[in-house]
Each structure stands twice: as C-alpha cells, then as structure tokens.
Amino acid sequence: MYETKQKILSWEELDRWLAYWRFLEQKIVFTNGCFDILHLGHITYLEEASKLGDVLIVGVNSDASVRRLKGPSRPIQTQESRSRILAALEFVEAVVIFEEDTPYKLIEKVAPDVLVKGGDYTTETIVGADFVRSRGGQVVVFPLVEGFSTTALLRKACAG
C-alpha cells in the first residue's frame, strides 16, 4: 500500500527516480497541465498517454502559475489537491509541481522519450517539443474528448 503523497516528487527526488527509471531502461512519458477540475477528458488523455511508455510523469502548474495563466479566480483547487488527485491515478507514476508559466525547464530535466498534450495543441505549439525531438523523442497530440473542458464545466456550473 502507498500514499498518494509519495508520488508527488520534488525536483531533487525526481532526479533520483529518473536515474532509477533510466537504469531500468524504462520509456518515460511526460505531460503537463493545470488540471484544475479533473474530468473525463483528462482521465482519457492521461490513461492513453500512460500506454505510450513505462512511466508517466505529470507536471502540474503551481497555484501562482495558474493565476498568471487563467486569472485571479483560478485555480479552483490548490496545487496540493490537484497533485494528490493526479497521484491517486494508478497509471500516473509521478507528479511534479512547476512554478514557471511553461514546463520547459521541467521538460529539459525529465528529457522524456515521449511528450504528450491534448488536442487543443498542435505539435508546433507544444512547449518543449523542439527539445524532445532534438533528442530523438516523440511528440504526440491526443484528440480532445468532446464536451469536456474545465472552462466549459465552470461555465455550465455558474449558469446552472
């Protein structure tokens, strides 16, 4: 039995785990997001992303980063809540919080074999795609699950 907190790694802990996973020749998949309200679209995309390798690492925007990107009324949930919820998913191996507005530094640290984003991106607009490709990695965009987005869910809740 494990605690979800154990899957939330500091940047220093991440270094140790990356060394371990690379020693085992594990294929590392990375994705990131705010994950403010985890919904079916997120679950589908994360589950599919996990099938592309052996280890799925999820980068989560810090609360300050979400505020800068989404506005002063966000996030709805704290970074601790969002991270713990993601860590509870069996197909997520690790969760790492990042402070910057983009995950570029974290992507450089992880150096994933596969970088994944949802269909609201193109391979040209994915932060870090250039770095991953320069190392021989793969960049994958999964289609959105229709009808599921945090913004749409918030609009619906406020209109209800």
N, C-alpha and C. Protein backbone atom coordinates (compact mmCIF):
# COMPACT_ATOMS: atom_id res chain seq x y z
N MET A 1 0.84 -1.17 0.00
CA MET A 1 0.00 0.00 0.00
C MET A 1 0.89 1.25 0.00
N TYR A 2 0.45 2.28 -0.69
CA TYR A 2 1.22 3.51 -0.77
C TYR A 2 0.31 4.70 -0.46
N GLU A 3 0.95 5.82 -0.19
CA GLU A 3 0.21 7.06 -0.01
C GLU A 3 0.40 7.89 -1.27
N THR A 4 -0.66 8.58 -1.67
CA THR A 4 -0.55 9.39 -2.88
C THR A 4 0.55 10.44 -2.75
N LYS A 5 0.81 10.91 -1.54
CA LYS A 5 1.85 11.92 -1.33
C LYS A 5 3.22 11.43 -1.80
N GLN A 6 3.44 10.13 -1.74
CA GLN A 6 4.73 9.56 -2.14
C GLN A 6 5.00 9.71 -3.64
N LYS A 7 3.94 9.88 -4.42
CA LYS A 7 4.10 10.03 -5.87
C LYS A 7 4.30 11.48 -6.29
N ILE A 8 4.18 12.40 -5.34
CA ILE A 8 4.42 13.82 -5.63
C ILE A 8 5.88 14.10 -5.30
N LEU A 9 6.67 14.34 -6.32
CA LEU A 9 8.12 14.44 -6.16
C LEU A 9 8.60 15.88 -6.23
N SER A 10 9.58 16.17 -5.38
CA SER A 10 10.30 17.44 -5.51
C SER A 10 11.22 17.29 -6.72
N TRP A 11 11.79 18.40 -7.16
CA TRP A 11 12.70 18.33 -8.30
C TRP A 11 13.93 17.48 -7.97
N GLU A 12 14.37 17.50 -6.70
CA GLU A 12 15.52 16.70 -6.29
C GLU A 12 15.16 15.20 -6.28
N GLU A 13 13.99 14.89 -5.75
CA GLU A 13 13.54 13.49 -5.75
C GLU A 13 13.36 12.99 -7.18
N LEU A 14 12.90 13.85 -8.04
CA LEU A 14 12.72 13.49 -9.45
C LEU A 14 14.03 13.03 -10.06
N ASP A 15 15.13 13.72 -9.75
CA ASP A 15 16.44 13.34 -10.27
C ASP A 15 16.77 11.89 -9.92
N ARG A 16 16.53 11.50 -8.67
CA ARG A 16 16.83 10.13 -8.23
C ARG A 16 15.97 9.12 -8.96
N TRP A 17 14.67 9.42 -9.09
CA TRP A 17 13.76 8.50 -9.78
C TRP A 17 14.09 8.40 -11.27
N LEU A 18 14.43 9.51 -11.89
CA LEU A 18 14.81 9.47 -13.31
C LEU A 18 16.02 8.58 -13.52
N ALA A 19 17.00 8.69 -12.64
CA ALA A 19 18.20 7.83 -12.74
C ALA A 19 17.81 6.36 -12.62
N TYR A 20 16.92 6.06 -11.68
CA TYR A 20 16.45 4.69 -11.48
C TYR A 20 15.71 4.17 -12.71
N TRP A 21 14.76 4.95 -13.21
CA TRP A 21 13.98 4.52 -14.37
C TRP A 21 14.85 4.36 -15.61
N ARG A 22 15.84 5.24 -15.76
CA ARG A 22 16.74 5.13 -16.91
C ARG A 22 17.66 3.91 -16.77
N PHE A 23 18.09 3.62 -15.54
CA PHE A 23 18.90 2.43 -15.29
C PHE A 23 18.12 1.18 -15.72
N LEU A 24 16.81 1.18 -15.46
CA LEU A 24 15.95 0.05 -15.85
C LEU A 24 15.53 0.10 -17.31
N GLU A 25 16.02 1.12 -18.04
CA GLU A 25 15.69 1.32 -19.46
C GLU A 25 14.19 1.47 -19.69
N GLN A 26 13.54 2.19 -18.77
CA GLN A 26 12.11 2.46 -18.88
C GLN A 26 11.88 3.60 -19.86
N LYS A 27 10.81 3.49 -20.62
CA LYS A 27 10.42 4.55 -21.55
C LYS A 27 9.60 5.57 -20.77
N ILE A 28 10.06 6.84 -20.77
CA ILE A 28 9.45 7.88 -19.95
C ILE A 28 8.54 8.77 -20.80
N VAL A 29 7.30 8.90 -20.34
CA VAL A 29 6.30 9.75 -20.98
C VAL A 29 6.04 10.93 -20.06
N PHE A 30 5.93 12.13 -20.64
CA PHE A 30 5.67 13.33 -19.85
C PHE A 30 4.51 14.11 -20.43
N THR A 31 3.69 14.65 -19.56
CA THR A 31 2.67 15.62 -19.94
C THR A 31 2.53 16.61 -18.81
N ASN A 32 1.78 17.66 -19.06
CA ASN A 32 1.62 18.69 -18.04
C ASN A 32 0.30 19.41 -18.22
N GLY A 33 -0.08 20.14 -17.17
CA GLY A 33 -1.28 20.95 -17.24
C GLY A 33 -1.63 21.53 -15.89
N CYS A 34 -2.73 22.29 -15.88
CA CYS A 34 -3.23 22.87 -14.63
C CYS A 34 -4.07 21.85 -13.88
N PHE A 35 -4.88 21.07 -14.60
CA PHE A 35 -5.73 20.03 -14.01
C PHE A 35 -6.56 20.57 -12.85
N ASP A 36 -7.17 21.74 -13.09
CA ASP A 36 -7.90 22.42 -12.03
C ASP A 36 -9.14 21.66 -11.59
N ILE A 37 -9.88 21.16 -12.53
CA ILE A 37 -11.01 20.27 -12.23
C ILE A 37 -10.79 19.03 -13.09
N LEU A 38 -10.37 17.95 -12.46
CA LEU A 38 -10.09 16.73 -13.21
C LEU A 38 -11.39 16.17 -13.75
N HIS A 39 -11.45 15.95 -15.07
CA HIS A 39 -12.67 15.48 -15.71
C HIS A 39 -12.35 14.32 -16.67
N LEU A 40 -13.38 13.77 -17.28
CA LEU A 40 -13.24 12.60 -18.15
C LEU A 40 -12.24 12.84 -19.28
N GLY A 41 -12.20 14.05 -19.82
CA GLY A 41 -11.23 14.34 -20.87
C GLY A 41 -9.81 14.15 -20.38
N HIS A 42 -9.52 14.64 -19.17
CA HIS A 42 -8.19 14.46 -18.59
C HIS A 42 -7.88 12.98 -18.37
N ILE A 43 -8.83 12.28 -17.78
CA ILE A 43 -8.61 10.86 -17.46
C ILE A 43 -8.30 10.08 -18.74
N THR A 44 -9.10 10.30 -19.78
CA THR A 44 -8.90 9.59 -21.05
C THR A 44 -7.52 9.88 -21.61
N TYR A 45 -7.16 11.15 -21.64
CA TYR A 45 -5.87 11.53 -22.22
C TYR A 45 -4.70 11.02 -21.40
N LEU A 46 -4.79 11.08 -20.08
CA LEU A 46 -3.71 10.58 -19.23
C LEU A 46 -3.57 9.06 -19.33
N GLU A 47 -4.69 8.38 -19.36
CA GLU A 47 -4.65 6.92 -19.49
C GLU A 47 -4.02 6.50 -20.82
N GLU A 48 -4.40 7.18 -21.89
CA GLU A 48 -3.81 6.88 -23.20
C GLU A 48 -2.33 7.23 -23.23
N ALA A 49 -1.97 8.35 -22.62
CA ALA A 49 -0.56 8.75 -22.56
C ALA A 49 0.27 7.69 -21.85
N SER A 50 -0.28 7.12 -20.78
CA SER A 50 0.47 6.12 -20.00
C SER A 50 0.78 4.88 -20.82
N LYS A 51 -0.02 4.61 -21.83
CA LYS A 51 0.18 3.42 -22.68
C LYS A 51 1.35 3.58 -23.65
N LEU A 52 1.88 4.81 -23.76
CA LEU A 52 2.97 5.07 -24.71
C LEU A 52 4.34 4.77 -24.14
N GLY A 53 4.40 4.36 -22.88
CA GLY A 53 5.68 4.07 -22.26
C GLY A 53 5.51 3.30 -20.97
N ASP A 54 6.57 3.29 -20.17
CA ASP A 54 6.57 2.56 -18.91
C ASP A 54 6.27 3.44 -17.71
N VAL A 55 6.60 4.73 -17.81
CA VAL A 55 6.48 5.66 -16.70
C VAL A 55 5.79 6.93 -17.21
N LEU A 56 4.70 7.33 -16.55
CA LEU A 56 4.04 8.59 -16.89
C LEU A 56 4.31 9.60 -15.77
N ILE A 57 4.97 10.69 -16.14
CA ILE A 57 5.24 11.79 -15.23
C ILE A 57 4.34 12.96 -15.63
N VAL A 58 3.65 13.53 -14.65
CA VAL A 58 2.74 14.65 -14.92
C VAL A 58 3.26 15.90 -14.22
N GLY A 59 3.50 16.94 -15.01
CA GLY A 59 3.87 18.24 -14.47
C GLY A 59 2.60 19.03 -14.19
N VAL A 60 2.53 19.65 -13.01
CA VAL A 60 1.35 20.41 -12.61
C VAL A 60 1.76 21.86 -12.34
N ASN A 61 1.05 22.79 -12.98
CA ASN A 61 1.30 24.21 -12.74
C ASN A 61 1.03 24.54 -11.27
N SER A 62 1.92 25.31 -10.66
CA SER A 62 1.71 25.78 -9.29
C SER A 62 0.50 26.71 -9.27
N ASP A 63 0.01 26.99 -8.06
CA ASP A 63 -1.12 27.92 -7.92
C ASP A 63 -0.80 29.28 -8.53
N ALA A 64 0.40 29.80 -8.27
CA ALA A 64 0.79 31.11 -8.81
C ALA A 64 0.83 31.08 -10.33
N SER A 65 1.33 30.00 -10.89
CA SER A 65 1.39 29.85 -12.34
C SER A 65 -0.02 29.82 -12.95
N VAL A 66 -0.93 29.09 -12.32
CA VAL A 66 -2.31 29.02 -12.82
C VAL A 66 -2.95 30.41 -12.78
N ARG A 67 -2.73 31.15 -11.70
CA ARG A 67 -3.29 32.51 -11.60
C ARG A 67 -2.79 33.40 -12.74
N ARG A 68 -1.50 33.30 -13.02
CA ARG A 68 -0.94 34.12 -14.11
C ARG A 68 -1.53 33.72 -15.46
N LEU A 69 -1.79 32.43 -15.65
CA LEU A 69 -2.30 31.95 -16.94
C LEU A 69 -3.81 32.07 -17.09
N LYS A 70 -4.54 31.84 -16.01
CA LYS A 70 -6.01 31.73 -16.09
C LYS A 70 -6.75 32.89 -15.44
N GLY A 71 -6.06 33.69 -14.65
CA GLY A 71 -6.71 34.83 -14.00
C GLY A 71 -6.83 34.64 -12.50
N PRO A 72 -7.24 35.72 -11.81
CA PRO A 72 -7.23 35.74 -10.34
C PRO A 72 -8.24 34.80 -9.68
N SER A 73 -9.25 34.35 -10.40
CA SER A 73 -10.24 33.45 -9.80
C SER A 73 -9.82 31.99 -9.86
N ARG A 74 -8.67 31.72 -10.45
CA ARG A 74 -8.19 30.36 -10.57
C ARG A 74 -6.87 30.23 -9.82
N PRO A 75 -6.48 29.08 -9.38
CA PRO A 75 -7.17 27.79 -9.56
C PRO A 75 -8.34 27.62 -8.59
N ILE A 76 -9.22 26.71 -8.94
CA ILE A 76 -10.33 26.34 -8.08
C ILE A 76 -9.80 25.50 -6.91
N GLN A 77 -8.87 24.60 -7.22
CA GLN A 77 -8.27 23.73 -6.20
C GLN A 77 -6.79 24.08 -6.05
N THR A 78 -6.26 23.86 -4.87
CA THR A 78 -4.84 24.14 -4.62
C THR A 78 -3.96 23.17 -5.38
N GLN A 79 -2.69 23.53 -5.50
CA GLN A 79 -1.73 22.65 -6.16
C GLN A 79 -1.60 21.32 -5.42
N GLU A 80 -1.73 21.36 -4.10
CA GLU A 80 -1.66 20.12 -3.32
C GLU A 80 -2.84 19.20 -3.67
N SER A 81 -4.03 19.78 -3.74
CA SER A 81 -5.23 18.98 -4.08
C SER A 81 -5.11 18.41 -5.48
N ARG A 82 -4.75 19.26 -6.43
CA ARG A 82 -4.65 18.81 -7.82
C ARG A 82 -3.60 17.71 -7.97
N SER A 83 -2.48 17.88 -7.28
CA SER A 83 -1.40 16.88 -7.36
C SER A 83 -1.80 15.56 -6.72
N ARG A 84 -2.44 15.61 -5.57
CA ARG A 84 -2.86 14.37 -4.89
C ARG A 84 -3.89 13.61 -5.72
N ILE A 85 -4.82 14.33 -6.32
CA ILE A 85 -5.83 13.68 -7.16
C ILE A 85 -5.16 12.97 -8.34
N LEU A 86 -4.22 13.64 -8.99
CA LEU A 86 -3.49 13.01 -10.10
C LEU A 86 -2.67 11.83 -9.61
N ALA A 87 -2.03 11.97 -8.46
CA ALA A 87 -1.20 10.89 -7.92
C ALA A 87 -2.03 9.65 -7.57
N ALA A 88 -3.31 9.85 -7.32
CA ALA A 88 -4.18 8.71 -6.99
C ALA A 88 -4.49 7.84 -8.21
N LEU A 89 -4.23 8.35 -9.39
CA LEU A 89 -4.47 7.56 -10.60
C LEU A 89 -3.39 6.49 -10.74
N GLU A 90 -3.80 5.25 -10.88
CA GLU A 90 -2.81 4.16 -10.90
C GLU A 90 -1.85 4.25 -12.07
N PHE A 91 -2.25 4.85 -13.17
CA PHE A 91 -1.37 4.91 -14.34
C PHE A 91 -0.44 6.12 -14.33
N VAL A 92 -0.51 6.96 -13.30
CA VAL A 92 0.42 8.07 -13.12
C VAL A 92 1.50 7.62 -12.14
N GLU A 93 2.74 7.66 -12.59
CA GLU A 93 3.86 7.21 -11.75
C GLU A 93 4.37 8.31 -10.83
N ALA A 94 4.37 9.55 -11.34
CA ALA A 94 4.90 10.66 -10.56
C ALA A 94 4.25 11.97 -10.97
N VAL A 95 4.15 12.88 -10.00
CA VAL A 95 3.62 14.22 -10.22
C VAL A 95 4.66 15.21 -9.71
N VAL A 96 4.92 16.24 -10.51
CA VAL A 96 5.90 17.26 -10.13
C VAL A 96 5.28 18.63 -10.37
N ILE A 97 5.33 19.48 -9.36
CA ILE A 97 4.79 20.84 -9.47
C ILE A 97 5.89 21.75 -10.03
N PHE A 98 5.48 22.62 -10.98
CA PHE A 98 6.45 23.60 -11.50
C PHE A 98 5.88 25.01 -11.37
N GLU A 99 6.77 25.96 -11.10
CA GLU A 99 6.40 27.35 -10.81
C GLU A 99 6.29 28.23 -12.04
N GLU A 100 7.00 27.87 -13.09
CA GLU A 100 7.05 28.71 -14.28
C GLU A 100 5.71 28.66 -15.04
N ASP A 101 5.54 29.58 -15.98
CA ASP A 101 4.32 29.59 -16.78
C ASP A 101 4.31 28.46 -17.81
N THR A 102 5.48 28.00 -18.19
CA THR A 102 5.56 26.85 -19.10
C THR A 102 6.42 25.77 -18.44
N PRO A 103 6.26 24.54 -18.90
CA PRO A 103 7.02 23.43 -18.30
C PRO A 103 8.39 23.21 -18.95
N TYR A 104 8.90 24.18 -19.70
CA TYR A 104 10.12 23.94 -20.47
C TYR A 104 11.28 23.44 -19.61
N LYS A 105 11.54 24.09 -18.48
CA LYS A 105 12.66 23.66 -17.60
C LYS A 105 12.44 22.23 -17.09
N LEU A 106 11.19 21.92 -16.77
CA LEU A 106 10.88 20.57 -16.28
C LEU A 106 11.05 19.54 -17.40
N ILE A 107 10.65 19.90 -18.60
CA ILE A 107 10.84 19.01 -19.75
C ILE A 107 12.32 18.76 -19.99
N GLU A 108 13.13 19.81 -19.87
CA GLU A 108 14.59 19.63 -20.02
C GLU A 108 15.12 18.69 -18.94
N LYS A 109 14.62 18.81 -17.73
CA LYS A 109 15.07 17.95 -16.62
C LYS A 109 14.66 16.50 -16.87
N VAL A 110 13.39 16.29 -17.24
CA VAL A 110 12.87 14.94 -17.44
C VAL A 110 13.46 14.31 -18.70
N ALA A 111 13.65 15.11 -19.75
CA ALA A 111 14.11 14.62 -21.05
C ALA A 111 13.32 13.37 -21.46
N PRO A 112 12.00 13.52 -21.59
CA PRO A 112 11.16 12.35 -21.85
C PRO A 112 11.39 11.74 -23.22
N ASP A 113 11.07 10.47 -23.31
CA ASP A 113 11.09 9.78 -24.60
C ASP A 113 9.86 10.19 -25.41
N VAL A 114 8.78 10.49 -24.70
CA VAL A 114 7.52 10.88 -25.34
C VAL A 114 6.94 12.07 -24.59
N LEU A 115 6.57 13.10 -25.33
CA LEU A 115 5.90 14.28 -24.79
C LEU A 115 4.48 14.28 -25.33
N VAL A 116 3.50 14.38 -24.44
CA VAL A 116 2.09 14.26 -24.83
C VAL A 116 1.31 15.49 -24.40
N LYS A 117 0.40 15.93 -25.28
CA LYS A 117 -0.54 17.00 -24.93
C LYS A 117 -1.89 16.66 -25.57
N GLY A 118 -2.91 17.38 -25.11
CA GLY A 118 -4.25 17.18 -25.64
C GLY A 118 -4.47 17.94 -26.93
N GLY A 119 -5.59 17.67 -27.58
CA GLY A 119 -5.90 18.18 -28.90
C GLY A 119 -6.12 19.67 -29.01
N ASP A 120 -6.06 20.41 -27.91
CA ASP A 120 -6.14 21.85 -28.02
C ASP A 120 -4.76 22.44 -28.37
N TYR A 121 -3.79 21.56 -28.63
CA TYR A 121 -2.46 21.94 -29.08
C TYR A 121 -2.16 21.30 -30.42
N THR A 122 -1.17 21.85 -31.11
CA THR A 122 -0.61 21.21 -32.29
C THR A 122 0.85 20.92 -31.96
N THR A 123 1.48 20.06 -32.73
CA THR A 123 2.88 19.74 -32.44
C THR A 123 3.76 20.99 -32.53
N GLU A 124 3.31 22.00 -33.31
CA GLU A 124 4.08 23.24 -33.43
C GLU A 124 3.93 24.13 -32.21
N THR A 125 2.84 24.01 -31.46
CA THR A 125 2.60 24.90 -30.32
C THR A 125 2.91 24.28 -28.97
N ILE A 126 3.36 23.05 -28.95
CA ILE A 126 3.66 22.38 -27.68
C ILE A 126 5.02 22.83 -27.16
N VAL A 127 5.01 23.41 -25.97
CA VAL A 127 6.25 23.84 -25.32
C VAL A 127 7.12 22.61 -25.07
N GLY A 128 8.37 22.69 -25.48
CA GLY A 128 9.31 21.60 -25.26
C GLY A 128 9.39 20.60 -26.39
N ALA A 129 8.50 20.71 -27.37
CA ALA A 129 8.51 19.75 -28.48
C ALA A 129 9.84 19.78 -29.22
N ASP A 130 10.39 20.98 -29.40
CA ASP A 130 11.67 21.12 -30.08
C ASP A 130 12.78 20.38 -29.32
N PHE A 131 12.80 20.54 -28.01
CA PHE A 131 13.81 19.87 -27.19
C PHE A 131 13.67 18.35 -27.26
N VAL A 132 12.45 17.85 -27.12
CA VAL A 132 12.22 16.40 -27.13
C VAL A 132 12.62 15.82 -28.48
N ARG A 133 12.21 16.47 -29.58
CA ARG A 133 12.57 15.98 -30.91
C ARG A 133 14.07 16.02 -31.15
N SER A 134 14.75 17.05 -30.61
CA SER A 134 16.20 17.18 -30.81
C SER A 134 16.95 16.01 -30.18
N ARG A 135 16.33 15.36 -29.20
CA ARG A 135 16.94 14.22 -28.52
C ARG A 135 16.44 12.89 -29.09
N GLY A 136 15.67 12.94 -30.18
CA GLY A 136 15.16 11.72 -30.80
C GLY A 136 13.85 11.25 -30.21
N GLY A 137 13.22 12.09 -29.37
CA GLY A 137 11.96 11.71 -28.75
C GLY A 137 10.77 11.95 -29.65
N GLN A 138 9.64 11.55 -29.18
CA GLN A 138 8.38 11.61 -29.93
C GLN A 138 7.44 12.62 -29.27
N VAL A 139 6.68 13.34 -30.08
CA VAL A 139 5.67 14.28 -29.59
C VAL A 139 4.31 13.79 -30.11
N VAL A 140 3.37 13.62 -29.18
CA VAL A 140 2.06 13.06 -29.52
C VAL A 140 0.97 14.01 -29.06
N VAL A 141 -0.03 14.22 -29.92
CA VAL A 141 -1.19 15.03 -29.58
C VAL A 141 -2.41 14.11 -29.63
N PHE A 142 -3.12 14.00 -28.50
CA PHE A 142 -4.34 13.20 -28.46
C PHE A 142 -5.55 14.09 -28.71
N PRO A 143 -6.54 13.59 -29.44
CA PRO A 143 -7.74 14.39 -29.67
C PRO A 143 -8.47 14.66 -28.36
N LEU A 144 -9.15 15.80 -28.32
CA LEU A 144 -9.94 16.14 -27.14
C LEU A 144 -11.15 15.23 -27.04
N VAL A 145 -11.58 14.97 -25.83
CA VAL A 145 -12.84 14.25 -25.61
C VAL A 145 -13.93 15.32 -25.66
N GLU A 146 -14.79 15.22 -26.65
CA GLU A 146 -15.81 16.25 -26.87
C GLU A 146 -16.66 16.49 -25.63
N GLY A 147 -16.91 17.77 -25.37
CA GLY A 147 -17.79 18.15 -24.28
C GLY A 147 -17.13 18.25 -22.92
N PHE A 148 -15.82 18.04 -22.87
CA PHE A 148 -15.13 18.10 -21.58
C PHE A 148 -13.97 19.09 -21.63
N SER A 149 -14.13 20.17 -20.90
CA SER A 149 -13.04 21.11 -20.64
C SER A 149 -13.35 21.78 -19.31
N THR A 150 -12.32 22.16 -18.60
CA THR A 150 -12.53 22.80 -17.30
C THR A 150 -13.32 24.10 -17.47
N THR A 151 -12.95 24.89 -18.48
CA THR A 151 -13.65 26.16 -18.71
C THR A 151 -15.13 25.93 -18.99
N ALA A 152 -15.44 24.95 -19.85
CA ALA A 152 -16.84 24.66 -20.17
C ALA A 152 -17.60 24.17 -18.94
N LEU A 153 -16.96 23.34 -18.13
CA LEU A 153 -17.61 22.84 -16.92
C LEU A 153 -17.87 23.98 -15.93
N LEU A 154 -16.93 24.91 -15.81
CA LEU A 154 -17.13 26.05 -14.91
C LEU A 154 -18.26 26.96 -15.41
N ARG A 155 -18.31 27.18 -16.73
CA ARG A 155 -19.39 28.00 -17.30
C ARG A 155 -20.75 27.35 -17.01
N LYS A 156 -20.82 26.06 -17.22
CA LYS A 156 -22.07 25.33 -17.01
C LYS A 156 -22.48 25.40 -15.53
N ALA A 157 -21.53 25.24 -14.62
CA ALA A 157 -21.83 25.28 -13.19
C ALA A 157 -22.32 26.68 -12.78
N CYS A 158 -21.71 27.71 -13.33
CA CYS A 158 -22.11 29.07 -12.98
C CYS A 158 -23.44 29.46 -13.59
N ALA A 159 -23.78 28.86 -14.74
CA ALA A 159 -25.04 29.18 -15.42
C ALA A 159 -26.21 28.42 -14.79
N GLY A 160 -25.88 27.29 -14.15
CA GLY A 160 -26.90 26.39 -13.61
C GLY A 160 -27.65 26.96 -12.49
